[in-house]
Amino acid sequence: RGEHIGTKRVAIGTGKLTMTNKRLHWKSLQREINFYWTSVFAVYNWEPNVMGLVYGRAQYDIPLVNDKGLKWITHAGEILKSVAELEDHQYTISPY
C-alpha cells in the first residue's frame, strides 16, 4: 500500500487471527506472526474490514474478510490500556 517515512507497510494476506492479553497471533498456511502488545504502538481501522497495526517500525494491514475492524480495535484498546498501566507503555488507538 505504499511506503511511509521511517516505516514499512506490510500486507500480510489471509489467515486466522486470535487475540490474548499477551499477544495478537496471526497464522496462515505459509507463516505465522506474533504481535506482542508491549511492542504494539498503534491500532487503527484502515478500511472497514482491515485492521492496521504499528508493530516496532513496521505497519501491518490485517484483513478481516468477514469481520469488522471495530470489534478487534475495541478489544485491542482494552488490552493495550491494561498493558500501559502495567508496563508504562504508550500507544495510539483510532477512535471507535
N, C-alpha and C. Protein backbone atom coordinates (compact mmCIF):
# COMPACT_ATOMS: atom_id res chain seq x y z
N ARG A 1 0.82 -1.21 0.00
CA ARG A 1 0.00 0.00 0.00
C ARG A 1 0.85 1.26 0.00
N GLY A 2 2.12 1.13 -0.23
CA GLY A 2 2.94 2.31 -0.32
C GLY A 2 3.87 2.46 0.87
N GLU A 3 4.88 3.25 0.69
CA GLU A 3 5.87 3.47 1.73
C GLU A 3 5.52 4.69 2.57
N HIS A 4 5.84 4.63 3.82
CA HIS A 4 5.69 5.75 4.74
C HIS A 4 7.07 6.08 5.29
N ILE A 5 7.31 7.33 5.58
CA ILE A 5 8.60 7.75 6.09
C ILE A 5 8.91 7.01 7.38
N GLY A 6 10.06 6.32 7.41
CA GLY A 6 10.53 5.66 8.61
C GLY A 6 9.88 4.31 8.89
N THR A 7 8.88 3.91 8.14
CA THR A 7 8.25 2.63 8.39
C THR A 7 7.97 1.92 7.08
N LYS A 8 7.76 0.63 7.18
CA LYS A 8 7.40 -0.17 6.01
C LYS A 8 6.00 -0.70 6.23
N ARG A 9 5.14 -0.59 5.23
CA ARG A 9 3.77 -1.11 5.32
C ARG A 9 3.77 -2.51 4.73
N VAL A 10 3.22 -3.48 5.48
CA VAL A 10 3.21 -4.87 5.09
C VAL A 10 1.78 -5.38 5.08
N ALA A 11 1.31 -5.88 3.94
CA ALA A 11 0.01 -6.55 3.86
C ALA A 11 0.27 -8.03 4.07
N ILE A 12 -0.27 -8.62 5.13
CA ILE A 12 0.11 -9.98 5.47
C ILE A 12 -0.75 -11.06 4.84
N GLY A 13 -1.82 -10.69 4.18
CA GLY A 13 -2.64 -11.69 3.49
C GLY A 13 -3.68 -12.33 4.38
N THR A 14 -4.24 -13.43 3.90
CA THR A 14 -5.34 -14.10 4.58
C THR A 14 -4.81 -15.13 5.57
N GLY A 15 -5.40 -15.15 6.75
CA GLY A 15 -5.01 -16.10 7.77
C GLY A 15 -6.00 -16.07 8.91
N LYS A 16 -5.67 -16.73 9.99
CA LYS A 16 -6.53 -16.76 11.17
C LYS A 16 -5.93 -15.85 12.24
N LEU A 17 -6.77 -14.99 12.80
CA LEU A 17 -6.33 -14.03 13.81
C LEU A 17 -6.93 -14.40 15.16
N THR A 18 -6.09 -14.47 16.19
CA THR A 18 -6.56 -14.67 17.55
C THR A 18 -5.91 -13.64 18.45
N MET A 19 -6.56 -13.34 19.57
CA MET A 19 -6.09 -12.28 20.45
C MET A 19 -6.12 -12.79 21.89
N THR A 20 -5.02 -12.54 22.62
CA THR A 20 -4.97 -12.82 24.05
C THR A 20 -4.51 -11.54 24.75
N ASN A 21 -4.40 -11.59 26.07
CA ASN A 21 -3.92 -10.41 26.79
C ASN A 21 -2.42 -10.20 26.63
N LYS A 22 -1.70 -11.14 26.03
CA LYS A 22 -0.25 -11.02 25.81
C LYS A 22 0.12 -10.70 24.37
N ARG A 23 -0.71 -11.17 23.42
CA ARG A 23 -0.32 -11.03 22.01
C ARG A 23 -1.52 -11.11 21.08
N LEU A 24 -1.29 -10.65 19.88
CA LEU A 24 -2.19 -10.84 18.75
C LEU A 24 -1.46 -11.85 17.87
N HIS A 25 -2.12 -12.95 17.55
CA HIS A 25 -1.48 -14.04 16.82
C HIS A 25 -2.17 -14.19 15.47
N TRP A 26 -1.37 -14.17 14.39
CA TRP A 26 -1.89 -14.35 13.03
C TRP A 26 -1.19 -15.55 12.42
N LYS A 27 -1.98 -16.42 11.77
CA LYS A 27 -1.41 -17.63 11.18
C LYS A 27 -2.06 -17.92 9.84
N SER A 28 -1.20 -18.22 8.85
CA SER A 28 -1.68 -18.68 7.54
C SER A 28 -1.02 -20.02 7.26
N LEU A 29 -1.27 -20.56 6.08
CA LEU A 29 -0.63 -21.83 5.72
C LEU A 29 0.88 -21.68 5.56
N GLN A 30 1.34 -20.48 5.18
CA GLN A 30 2.76 -20.26 4.91
C GLN A 30 3.57 -19.78 6.13
N ARG A 31 2.91 -19.01 7.03
CA ARG A 31 3.68 -18.43 8.14
C ARG A 31 2.75 -18.02 9.27
N GLU A 32 3.39 -17.66 10.39
CA GLU A 32 2.63 -17.10 11.50
C GLU A 32 3.43 -15.98 12.14
N ILE A 33 2.71 -15.04 12.70
CA ILE A 33 3.33 -13.86 13.31
C ILE A 33 2.70 -13.63 14.67
N ASN A 34 3.53 -13.36 15.66
CA ASN A 34 3.07 -12.96 16.99
C ASN A 34 3.35 -11.47 17.16
N PHE A 35 2.32 -10.72 17.48
CA PHE A 35 2.44 -9.30 17.77
C PHE A 35 2.25 -9.14 19.28
N TYR A 36 3.33 -9.00 20.02
CA TYR A 36 3.24 -8.85 21.46
C TYR A 36 2.82 -7.42 21.79
N TRP A 37 1.83 -7.29 22.67
CA TRP A 37 1.24 -5.98 22.96
C TRP A 37 2.26 -4.96 23.44
N THR A 38 3.30 -5.39 24.12
CA THR A 38 4.31 -4.44 24.61
C THR A 38 5.09 -3.78 23.48
N SER A 39 4.99 -4.31 22.26
CA SER A 39 5.66 -3.71 21.10
C SER A 39 4.68 -3.14 20.08
N VAL A 40 3.39 -3.14 20.41
CA VAL A 40 2.38 -2.53 19.53
C VAL A 40 2.27 -1.05 19.90
N PHE A 41 2.43 -0.18 18.91
CA PHE A 41 2.40 1.26 19.16
C PHE A 41 1.13 1.93 18.64
N ALA A 42 0.39 1.26 17.76
CA ALA A 42 -0.86 1.83 17.26
C ALA A 42 -1.72 0.73 16.67
N VAL A 43 -3.04 0.89 16.84
CA VAL A 43 -4.03 0.02 16.22
C VAL A 43 -5.10 0.94 15.65
N TYR A 44 -5.48 0.69 14.40
CA TYR A 44 -6.44 1.59 13.75
C TYR A 44 -7.21 0.85 12.67
N ASN A 45 -8.33 1.42 12.29
CA ASN A 45 -9.14 0.91 11.19
C ASN A 45 -8.57 1.48 9.90
N TRP A 46 -8.07 0.63 9.03
CA TRP A 46 -7.54 1.10 7.75
C TRP A 46 -8.67 1.21 6.73
N GLU A 47 -9.49 0.21 6.67
CA GLU A 47 -10.70 0.16 5.86
C GLU A 47 -11.74 -0.53 6.75
N PRO A 48 -13.00 -0.60 6.34
CA PRO A 48 -13.99 -1.22 7.23
C PRO A 48 -13.61 -2.62 7.71
N ASN A 49 -12.92 -3.38 6.88
CA ASN A 49 -12.56 -4.73 7.30
C ASN A 49 -11.05 -5.00 7.25
N VAL A 50 -10.24 -3.95 7.45
CA VAL A 50 -8.79 -4.10 7.55
C VAL A 50 -8.32 -3.38 8.80
N MET A 51 -7.66 -4.13 9.67
CA MET A 51 -7.10 -3.52 10.88
C MET A 51 -5.64 -3.19 10.63
N GLY A 52 -5.27 -1.96 10.91
CA GLY A 52 -3.88 -1.55 10.80
C GLY A 52 -3.21 -1.69 12.15
N LEU A 53 -1.94 -2.05 12.13
CA LEU A 53 -1.19 -2.28 13.35
C LEU A 53 0.22 -1.76 13.16
N VAL A 54 0.70 -0.91 14.05
CA VAL A 54 2.09 -0.48 14.02
C VAL A 54 2.81 -1.31 15.08
N TYR A 55 3.73 -2.13 14.60
CA TYR A 55 4.47 -3.05 15.46
C TYR A 55 5.95 -2.83 15.22
N GLY A 56 6.65 -2.35 16.23
CA GLY A 56 8.04 -1.96 16.01
C GLY A 56 8.07 -0.81 15.03
N ARG A 57 8.82 -0.96 13.94
CA ARG A 57 8.89 0.10 12.94
C ARG A 57 8.10 -0.24 11.67
N ALA A 58 7.31 -1.30 11.72
CA ALA A 58 6.53 -1.71 10.54
C ALA A 58 5.05 -1.49 10.77
N GLN A 59 4.34 -1.19 9.68
CA GLN A 59 2.88 -1.08 9.71
C GLN A 59 2.32 -2.29 9.00
N TYR A 60 1.42 -3.01 9.66
CA TYR A 60 0.82 -4.20 9.10
C TYR A 60 -0.65 -3.94 8.78
N ASP A 61 -1.10 -4.45 7.64
CA ASP A 61 -2.51 -4.44 7.26
C ASP A 61 -3.02 -5.86 7.46
N ILE A 62 -3.99 -6.03 8.35
CA ILE A 62 -4.52 -7.35 8.65
C ILE A 62 -5.96 -7.42 8.13
N PRO A 63 -6.20 -8.18 7.05
CA PRO A 63 -7.55 -8.28 6.50
C PRO A 63 -8.45 -9.08 7.44
N LEU A 64 -9.66 -8.61 7.62
CA LEU A 64 -10.63 -9.26 8.50
C LEU A 64 -11.82 -9.76 7.70
N VAL A 65 -11.59 -10.23 6.52
CA VAL A 65 -12.53 -10.64 5.48
C VAL A 65 -14.01 -10.49 5.84
N ASN A 66 -14.55 -11.31 6.71
CA ASN A 66 -15.98 -11.26 7.04
C ASN A 66 -16.24 -10.62 8.40
N ASP A 67 -15.30 -9.87 8.89
CA ASP A 67 -15.40 -9.27 10.21
C ASP A 67 -15.16 -7.78 10.09
N LYS A 68 -15.64 -7.02 11.03
CA LYS A 68 -15.42 -5.58 11.05
C LYS A 68 -14.27 -5.24 12.00
N GLY A 69 -13.46 -4.29 11.60
CA GLY A 69 -12.31 -3.88 12.40
C GLY A 69 -12.69 -3.29 13.74
N LEU A 70 -13.88 -2.71 13.83
CA LEU A 70 -14.30 -2.06 15.06
C LEU A 70 -14.25 -3.01 16.26
N LYS A 71 -14.69 -4.23 16.09
CA LYS A 71 -14.67 -5.22 17.17
C LYS A 71 -13.23 -5.47 17.64
N TRP A 72 -12.34 -5.70 16.69
CA TRP A 72 -10.95 -6.01 17.03
C TRP A 72 -10.25 -4.81 17.66
N ILE A 73 -10.53 -3.61 17.14
CA ILE A 73 -9.89 -2.41 17.68
C ILE A 73 -10.40 -2.13 19.09
N THR A 74 -11.67 -2.37 19.35
CA THR A 74 -12.22 -2.18 20.69
C THR A 74 -11.54 -3.11 21.67
N HIS A 75 -11.40 -4.38 21.33
CA HIS A 75 -10.72 -5.33 22.21
C HIS A 75 -9.25 -4.96 22.39
N ALA A 76 -8.60 -4.60 21.30
CA ALA A 76 -7.18 -4.21 21.37
C ALA A 76 -7.00 -3.00 22.29
N GLY A 77 -7.91 -2.04 22.19
CA GLY A 77 -7.84 -0.85 23.04
C GLY A 77 -7.92 -1.20 24.51
N GLU A 78 -8.81 -2.11 24.88
CA GLU A 78 -8.93 -2.53 26.28
C GLU A 78 -7.67 -3.25 26.76
N ILE A 79 -7.13 -4.12 25.93
CA ILE A 79 -5.91 -4.83 26.30
C ILE A 79 -4.74 -3.87 26.42
N LEU A 80 -4.58 -2.97 25.44
CA LEU A 80 -3.47 -2.02 25.49
C LEU A 80 -3.57 -1.08 26.68
N LYS A 81 -4.79 -0.74 27.09
CA LYS A 81 -4.96 0.10 28.27
C LYS A 81 -4.40 -0.60 29.51
N SER A 82 -4.67 -1.88 29.66
CA SER A 82 -4.15 -2.60 30.82
C SER A 82 -2.64 -2.82 30.71
N VAL A 83 -2.13 -3.05 29.50
CA VAL A 83 -0.68 -3.18 29.30
C VAL A 83 0.01 -1.87 29.66
N ALA A 84 -0.58 -0.75 29.26
CA ALA A 84 0.01 0.56 29.55
C ALA A 84 0.09 0.82 31.05
N GLU A 85 -0.91 0.38 31.78
CA GLU A 85 -0.90 0.57 33.23
C GLU A 85 0.18 -0.27 33.90
N LEU A 86 0.41 -1.48 33.40
CA LEU A 86 1.40 -2.38 34.00
C LEU A 86 2.83 -2.11 33.52
N GLU A 87 2.98 -1.74 32.27
CA GLU A 87 4.30 -1.64 31.64
C GLU A 87 4.75 -0.22 31.34
N ASP A 88 3.95 0.78 31.64
CA ASP A 88 4.23 2.16 31.25
C ASP A 88 4.47 2.23 29.74
N HIS A 89 3.56 1.64 28.99
CA HIS A 89 3.65 1.53 27.53
C HIS A 89 2.75 2.57 26.88
N GLN A 90 3.27 3.28 25.87
CA GLN A 90 2.48 4.28 25.16
C GLN A 90 2.02 3.72 23.82
N TYR A 91 0.79 4.04 23.45
CA TYR A 91 0.19 3.52 22.21
C TYR A 91 -0.87 4.51 21.73
N THR A 92 -1.33 4.28 20.50
CA THR A 92 -2.39 5.06 19.90
C THR A 92 -3.46 4.12 19.37
N ILE A 93 -4.72 4.42 19.65
CA ILE A 93 -5.85 3.66 19.14
C ILE A 93 -6.72 4.62 18.35
N SER A 94 -7.16 4.20 17.16
CA SER A 94 -8.07 5.05 16.41
C SER A 94 -9.39 5.16 17.18
N PRO A 95 -10.06 6.30 17.08
CA PRO A 95 -11.32 6.47 17.80
C PRO A 95 -12.36 5.44 17.35
N TYR A 96 -13.13 4.95 18.29
CA TYR A 96 -14.19 3.99 17.98
C TYR A 96 -15.42 4.29 18.80
